[in-house]
N, C-alpha and C. Protein backbone atom coordinates (compact mmCIF):
# COMPACT_ATOMS: atom_id res chain seq x y z
N UNK A 1 -9.16 9.82 11.76
CA UNK A 1 -10.09 10.47 10.85
C UNK A 1 -9.90 9.94 9.43
N UNK A 2 -8.65 9.88 9.00
CA UNK A 2 -8.39 9.41 7.65
C UNK A 2 -8.80 7.95 7.46
N UNK A 3 -8.63 7.15 8.50
CA UNK A 3 -9.01 5.74 8.42
C UNK A 3 -10.52 5.61 8.22
N UNK A 4 -11.28 6.39 8.95
CA UNK A 4 -12.74 6.34 8.82
C UNK A 4 -13.17 6.75 7.42
N UNK A 5 -12.53 7.78 6.87
CA UNK A 5 -12.85 8.21 5.52
C UNK A 5 -12.52 7.11 4.52
N UNK A 6 -11.36 6.49 4.68
CA UNK A 6 -10.95 5.42 3.77
C UNK A 6 -11.91 4.24 3.85
N UNK A 7 -12.36 3.93 5.06
CA UNK A 7 -13.31 2.84 5.23
C UNK A 7 -14.64 3.16 4.54
N UNK A 8 -15.10 4.37 4.72
CA UNK A 8 -16.37 4.76 4.10
C UNK A 8 -16.25 4.74 2.57
N UNK A 9 -15.14 5.21 2.07
CA UNK A 9 -14.91 5.22 0.62
C UNK A 9 -14.89 3.80 0.07
N UNK A 10 -14.21 2.90 0.79
CA UNK A 10 -14.13 1.51 0.37
C UNK A 10 -15.53 0.89 0.32
N UNK A 11 -16.32 1.13 1.36
CA UNK A 11 -17.68 0.59 1.41
C UNK A 11 -18.54 1.15 0.29
N UNK A 12 -18.37 2.43 -0.03
CA UNK A 12 -19.13 3.05 -1.10
C UNK A 12 -18.77 2.43 -2.45
N UNK A 13 -17.48 2.20 -2.66
CA UNK A 13 -17.05 1.58 -3.94
C UNK A 13 -17.61 0.16 -4.05
N UNK A 14 -17.64 -0.56 -2.95
CA UNK A 14 -18.20 -1.92 -2.97
C UNK A 14 -19.69 -1.86 -3.31
N UNK A 15 -20.40 -0.93 -2.69
CA UNK A 15 -21.83 -0.77 -2.94
C UNK A 15 -22.06 -0.46 -4.43
N UNK A 16 -21.26 0.43 -4.99
CA UNK A 16 -21.41 0.79 -6.41
C UNK A 16 -21.19 -0.43 -7.30
N UNK A 17 -20.21 -1.24 -6.95
CA UNK A 17 -19.94 -2.45 -7.72
C UNK A 17 -21.11 -3.42 -7.65
N UNK A 18 -21.64 -3.66 -6.47
CA UNK A 18 -22.75 -4.59 -6.29
C UNK A 18 -23.98 -4.09 -7.05
N UNK A 19 -24.27 -2.81 -6.92
CA UNK A 19 -25.45 -2.26 -7.60
C UNK A 19 -25.30 -2.34 -9.12
N UNK A 20 -24.12 -2.10 -9.62
CA UNK A 20 -23.89 -2.19 -11.06
C UNK A 20 -24.09 -3.63 -11.54
N UNK A 21 -23.62 -4.58 -10.77
CA UNK A 21 -23.79 -5.99 -11.13
C UNK A 21 -25.28 -6.34 -11.15
N UNK A 22 -26.01 -5.85 -10.17
CA UNK A 22 -27.44 -6.16 -10.09
C UNK A 22 -28.23 -5.55 -11.24
N UNK A 23 -27.80 -4.41 -11.73
CA UNK A 23 -28.52 -3.79 -12.84
C UNK A 23 -28.05 -4.29 -14.20
N UNK A 24 -27.10 -5.22 -14.19
CA UNK A 24 -26.65 -5.84 -15.44
C UNK A 24 -25.64 -5.02 -16.21
N UNK A 25 -24.76 -4.36 -15.52
CA UNK A 25 -23.73 -3.55 -16.18
C UNK A 25 -22.83 -4.43 -17.04
N UNK A 26 -22.16 -3.79 -17.97
CA UNK A 26 -21.27 -4.52 -18.87
C UNK A 26 -20.06 -5.06 -18.10
N UNK A 27 -19.42 -6.05 -18.68
CA UNK A 27 -18.24 -6.63 -18.06
C UNK A 27 -17.16 -5.58 -17.87
N UNK A 28 -16.99 -4.71 -18.85
CA UNK A 28 -15.97 -3.66 -18.76
C UNK A 28 -16.26 -2.71 -17.60
N UNK A 29 -17.53 -2.32 -17.45
CA UNK A 29 -17.89 -1.43 -16.35
C UNK A 29 -17.64 -2.10 -15.00
N UNK A 30 -17.99 -3.37 -14.91
CA UNK A 30 -17.76 -4.11 -13.67
C UNK A 30 -16.27 -4.22 -13.35
N UNK A 31 -15.48 -4.46 -14.37
CA UNK A 31 -14.03 -4.54 -14.17
C UNK A 31 -13.48 -3.20 -13.70
N UNK A 32 -13.96 -2.12 -14.28
CA UNK A 32 -13.52 -0.78 -13.88
C UNK A 32 -13.92 -0.48 -12.43
N UNK A 33 -15.15 -0.84 -12.08
CA UNK A 33 -15.63 -0.62 -10.72
C UNK A 33 -14.86 -1.48 -9.73
N UNK A 34 -14.53 -2.69 -10.14
CA UNK A 34 -13.75 -3.58 -9.27
C UNK A 34 -12.36 -2.99 -9.04
N UNK A 35 -11.76 -2.47 -10.09
CA UNK A 35 -10.43 -1.86 -9.96
C UNK A 35 -10.49 -0.66 -9.02
N UNK A 36 -11.54 0.13 -9.12
CA UNK A 36 -11.72 1.27 -8.23
C UNK A 36 -11.90 0.81 -6.79
N UNK A 37 -12.68 -0.24 -6.61
CA UNK A 37 -12.87 -0.80 -5.27
C UNK A 37 -11.53 -1.28 -4.70
N UNK A 38 -10.74 -1.97 -5.50
CA UNK A 38 -9.46 -2.48 -5.03
C UNK A 38 -8.52 -1.34 -4.64
N UNK A 39 -8.55 -0.24 -5.38
CA UNK A 39 -7.74 0.92 -5.00
C UNK A 39 -8.18 1.47 -3.65
N UNK A 40 -9.48 1.54 -3.45
CA UNK A 40 -10.01 2.03 -2.17
C UNK A 40 -9.64 1.07 -1.03
N UNK A 41 -9.69 -0.22 -1.31
CA UNK A 41 -9.31 -1.22 -0.31
C UNK A 41 -7.83 -1.08 0.05
N UNK A 42 -6.99 -0.90 -0.94
CA UNK A 42 -5.56 -0.74 -0.68
C UNK A 42 -5.29 0.53 0.15
N UNK A 43 -6.01 1.61 -0.15
CA UNK A 43 -5.86 2.84 0.63
C UNK A 43 -6.30 2.61 2.08
N UNK A 44 -7.40 1.90 2.25
CA UNK A 44 -7.86 1.57 3.60
C UNK A 44 -6.80 0.76 4.35
N UNK A 45 -6.23 -0.22 3.69
CA UNK A 45 -5.19 -1.05 4.32
C UNK A 45 -3.98 -0.20 4.70
N UNK A 46 -3.57 0.71 3.82
CA UNK A 46 -2.44 1.59 4.13
C UNK A 46 -2.75 2.44 5.37
N UNK A 47 -3.94 3.02 5.41
CA UNK A 47 -4.33 3.85 6.55
C UNK A 47 -4.39 3.03 7.83
N UNK A 48 -4.92 1.83 7.73
CA UNK A 48 -5.02 0.95 8.89
C UNK A 48 -3.64 0.58 9.42
N UNK A 49 -2.74 0.26 8.52
CA UNK A 49 -1.38 -0.09 8.93
C UNK A 49 -0.66 1.11 9.55
N UNK A 50 -0.86 2.29 8.97
CA UNK A 50 -0.23 3.50 9.51
C UNK A 50 -0.76 3.78 10.90
N UNK A 51 -2.04 3.63 11.10
CA UNK A 51 -2.62 3.86 12.42
C UNK A 51 -2.09 2.84 13.43
N UNK A 52 -1.95 1.60 13.01
CA UNK A 52 -1.42 0.57 13.90
C UNK A 52 0.03 0.89 14.28
N UNK A 53 0.82 1.38 13.33
CA UNK A 53 2.21 1.76 13.64
C UNK A 53 2.25 2.92 14.62
N UNK A 54 1.36 3.90 14.43
CA UNK A 54 1.31 5.03 15.34
C UNK A 54 0.94 4.56 16.75
N UNK A 55 -0.02 3.68 16.84
CA UNK A 55 -0.46 3.16 18.14
C UNK A 55 0.69 2.41 18.82
N UNK A 56 1.37 1.57 18.05
CA UNK A 56 2.49 0.80 18.60
C UNK A 56 3.60 1.74 19.05
N UNK A 57 3.86 2.78 18.26
CA UNK A 57 4.89 3.74 18.63
C UNK A 57 4.55 4.47 19.91
N UNK A 58 3.29 4.87 20.05
CA UNK A 58 2.85 5.55 21.28
C UNK A 58 2.95 4.61 22.48
N UNK A 59 2.59 3.36 22.26
CA UNK A 59 2.62 2.38 23.34
C UNK A 59 4.06 2.16 23.81
N UNK A 60 5.00 2.06 22.86
CA UNK A 60 6.41 1.87 23.21
C UNK A 60 6.95 3.09 23.94
N UNK A 61 6.59 4.31 23.49
CA UNK A 61 7.05 5.52 24.15
C UNK A 61 6.51 5.60 25.57
N UNK A 62 5.25 5.22 25.75
CA UNK A 62 4.65 5.23 27.09
C UNK A 62 5.37 4.27 28.01
N UNK A 63 5.69 3.09 27.50
CA UNK A 63 6.40 2.09 28.30
C UNK A 63 7.80 2.60 28.63
N UNK A 64 8.44 3.25 27.68
CA UNK A 64 9.77 3.78 27.89
C UNK A 64 9.75 4.88 28.95
N UNK A 65 8.77 5.76 28.87
CA UNK A 65 8.65 6.82 29.86
C UNK A 65 8.36 6.25 31.23
N UNK A 66 7.53 5.23 31.30
CA UNK A 66 7.21 4.60 32.59
C UNK A 66 8.48 3.98 33.18
N UNK A 67 9.30 3.39 32.34
CA UNK A 67 10.56 2.81 32.81
C UNK A 67 11.52 3.85 33.29
N UNK A 68 11.55 5.02 32.65
CA UNK A 68 12.41 6.12 33.07
C UNK A 68 11.98 6.68 34.43
N UNK A 69 10.68 6.73 34.66
CA UNK A 69 10.17 7.24 35.92
C UNK A 69 10.55 6.32 37.07
N UNK A 70 10.57 5.02 36.81
CA UNK A 70 10.92 4.06 37.87
C UNK A 70 12.39 4.20 38.28
N UNK A 71 13.25 4.50 37.30
CA UNK A 71 14.68 4.60 37.58
C UNK A 71 15.05 5.96 38.14
N UNK A 72 14.16 6.95 37.98
CA UNK A 72 14.49 8.30 38.44
C UNK A 72 14.23 8.49 39.92
């Protein structure tokens, strides 16, 4: 759930940046919007990595449990 929210937020920040550029926003505004987009991108990456670690952890536990069942 958090990953989807982070992805949507990142896409929204990108959209805001593109639209501001198209309407001729000032360089300072574009820099601020870019910084906001980069923060959203970093949050998305953190969420994605956390989800990948959780998946890997679950996969390892499942394999470990399967190995225990074979020996039991």
